[in-house]
Amino acid sequence: MLIRKTLALFILATGLLMAAVGFAGTPQKNSEGVTVIHLDEYNGYFEAKETVAGLKAGEYEFVVTNKANKLVGFQIQNYKTHARLDMFPLEPGETRTARVTVTEDGVRFRCPINPTPWYDLDVISPAESS
């Protein structure tokens, strides 16, 4: 009986924790048909509000918000060629947008000011045909 109660409490607690933490949403397109990905930048890492798995080639807006309480930056490159697609600083609390074309090459991003590892998005599906 004690094991059943403990298991039931564990399952309930796990469910509540998952509901509180939430899950990354599906990227949505804005009124111009551009897919939007929201990124929050903290001290040393990024948190995506939408899932970045299964992206398709096309136009994207990466909306980056500085939540690090210090100056940070955002740099996004083509994954294969390392060609710069956009780069800018962000003051504390500031939000800026990088509008880029993501090809099947993929992209990668990081903060060059508050060093973070590269976030590689290297599995990009072909664009949907119209």
Protein backbone atom coordinates (compact mmCIF):
# COMPACT_ATOMS: atom_id res chain seq x y z
CA MET A 1 0.00 0.00 0.00
CA LEU A 2 2.80 2.40 0.89
CA ILE A 3 4.48 1.68 -2.45
CA ARG A 4 1.26 2.52 -4.35
CA LYS A 5 0.83 5.80 -2.47
CA THR A 6 4.48 6.72 -3.04
CA LEU A 7 4.21 5.86 -6.74
CA ALA A 8 0.97 7.86 -7.07
CA LEU A 9 2.59 10.89 -5.39
CA PHE A 10 5.63 10.57 -7.66
CA ILE A 11 3.46 10.46 -10.77
CA LEU A 12 1.42 13.45 -9.57
CA ALA A 13 4.54 15.45 -8.71
CA THR A 14 6.13 14.64 -12.08
CA GLY A 15 2.98 15.73 -13.90
CA LEU A 16 2.81 18.99 -11.98
CA LEU A 17 6.48 19.68 -12.62
CA MET A 18 6.09 19.05 -16.35
CA ALA A 19 3.05 21.33 -16.46
CA ALA A 20 4.94 24.07 -14.60
CA VAL A 21 8.05 23.84 -16.77
CA GLY A 22 6.07 23.60 -19.98
CA PHE A 23 7.14 22.43 -23.38
CA ALA A 24 8.61 24.32 -26.28
CA GLY A 25 5.92 25.42 -28.68
CA THR A 26 5.74 24.93 -32.40
CA PRO A 27 7.23 27.81 -34.40
CA GLN A 28 4.55 30.00 -35.98
CA LYS A 29 4.65 32.18 -39.07
CA ASN A 30 4.04 35.91 -38.78
CA SER A 31 1.74 37.91 -41.09
CA GLU A 32 4.54 38.05 -43.71
CA GLY A 33 4.89 34.24 -43.76
CA VAL A 34 8.22 34.29 -41.88
CA THR A 35 8.76 31.64 -39.20
CA VAL A 36 9.53 33.18 -35.79
CA ILE A 37 11.82 31.64 -33.14
CA HIS A 38 12.03 33.39 -29.74
CA LEU A 39 15.30 33.05 -27.84
CA ASP A 40 15.99 34.26 -24.30
CA GLU A 41 19.68 34.78 -23.59
CA TYR A 42 20.91 34.22 -20.04
CA ASN A 43 24.43 34.11 -18.56
CA GLY A 44 26.08 31.50 -20.76
CA TYR A 45 23.10 29.89 -22.49
CA PHE A 46 20.05 30.41 -24.68
CA GLU A 47 16.54 29.15 -24.05
CA ALA A 48 14.22 28.63 -27.04
CA LYS A 49 10.50 29.19 -26.56
CA GLU A 50 9.75 27.21 -29.72
CA THR A 51 11.25 23.89 -30.72
CA VAL A 52 14.11 24.17 -33.17
CA ALA A 53 13.91 20.50 -34.21
CA GLY A 54 12.54 19.76 -37.65
CA LEU A 55 13.09 23.21 -39.15
CA LYS A 56 12.69 23.60 -42.90
CA ALA A 57 14.70 25.85 -45.20
CA GLY A 58 13.18 29.32 -45.50
CA GLU A 59 12.94 32.79 -43.96
CA TYR A 60 13.22 33.02 -40.16
CA GLU A 61 13.14 35.74 -37.56
CA PHE A 62 15.17 34.98 -34.45
CA VAL A 63 13.75 37.28 -31.76
CA VAL A 64 16.42 37.48 -29.05
CA THR A 65 15.81 38.93 -25.57
CA ASN A 66 18.67 39.69 -23.17
CA LYS A 67 17.83 38.26 -19.75
CA ALA A 68 21.43 38.23 -18.53
CA ASN A 69 21.34 41.65 -16.79
CA LYS A 70 24.53 42.66 -18.62
CA LEU A 71 25.60 43.41 -22.18
CA VAL A 72 25.43 40.32 -24.41
CA GLY A 73 25.38 39.67 -28.14
CA PHE A 74 23.88 37.47 -30.80
CA GLN A 75 25.78 36.03 -33.75
CA ILE A 76 24.18 33.73 -36.34
CA GLN A 77 26.04 32.02 -39.19
CA ASN A 78 25.52 29.55 -42.00
CA TYR A 79 26.41 26.18 -40.45
CA LYS A 80 28.55 24.86 -43.32
CA THR A 81 30.27 27.99 -44.65
CA HIS A 82 30.32 30.01 -41.40
CA ALA A 83 29.21 33.05 -43.40
CA ARG A 84 27.81 35.66 -41.03
CA LEU A 85 24.07 36.12 -41.39
CA ASP A 86 23.67 38.69 -38.60
CA MET A 87 25.39 39.90 -35.43
CA PHE A 88 24.46 42.55 -32.85
CA PRO A 89 24.83 43.51 -29.17
CA LEU A 90 21.92 43.58 -26.72
CA GLU A 91 21.66 45.76 -23.64
CA PRO A 92 20.02 44.29 -20.50
CA GLY A 93 16.31 43.70 -21.16
CA GLU A 94 16.62 44.61 -24.84
CA THR A 95 14.98 42.55 -27.59
CA ARG A 96 16.27 42.53 -31.18
CA THR A 97 15.41 40.51 -34.26
CA ALA A 98 17.65 38.81 -36.79
CA ARG A 99 15.83 38.04 -40.03
CA VAL A 100 17.77 35.41 -41.95
CA THR A 101 17.41 32.89 -44.74
CA VAL A 102 18.03 29.38 -43.45
CA THR A 103 19.18 26.98 -46.18
CA GLU A 104 19.63 23.23 -46.08
CA ASP A 105 23.19 24.05 -44.90
CA GLY A 106 21.70 24.89 -41.49
CA VAL A 107 22.61 27.67 -39.10
CA ARG A 108 24.45 28.08 -35.84
CA PHE A 109 24.27 30.83 -33.25
CA ARG A 110 26.02 31.96 -30.08
CA CYS A 111 26.83 34.97 -27.94
CA PRO A 112 30.28 36.34 -28.81
CA ILE A 113 30.33 38.77 -25.84
CA ASN A 114 29.16 36.51 -23.01
CA PRO A 115 30.75 33.35 -24.41
CA THR A 116 28.29 30.55 -25.03
CA PRO A 117 28.81 27.38 -27.01
CA TRP A 118 27.62 27.30 -30.60
CA TYR A 119 24.05 26.11 -30.96
CA ASP A 120 24.10 24.05 -34.15
CA LEU A 121 20.91 23.67 -36.18
CA ASP A 122 22.42 21.45 -38.82
CA VAL A 123 19.50 19.18 -39.75
CA ILE A 124 17.34 21.38 -41.95
CA SER A 125 14.75 19.83 -44.28
CA PRO A 126 14.21 21.14 -47.79
CA ALA A 127 11.72 23.99 -48.13
CA GLU A 128 8.10 23.04 -48.64
CA SER A 129 7.05 23.37 -52.25
CA SER A 130 4.20 25.77 -52.95
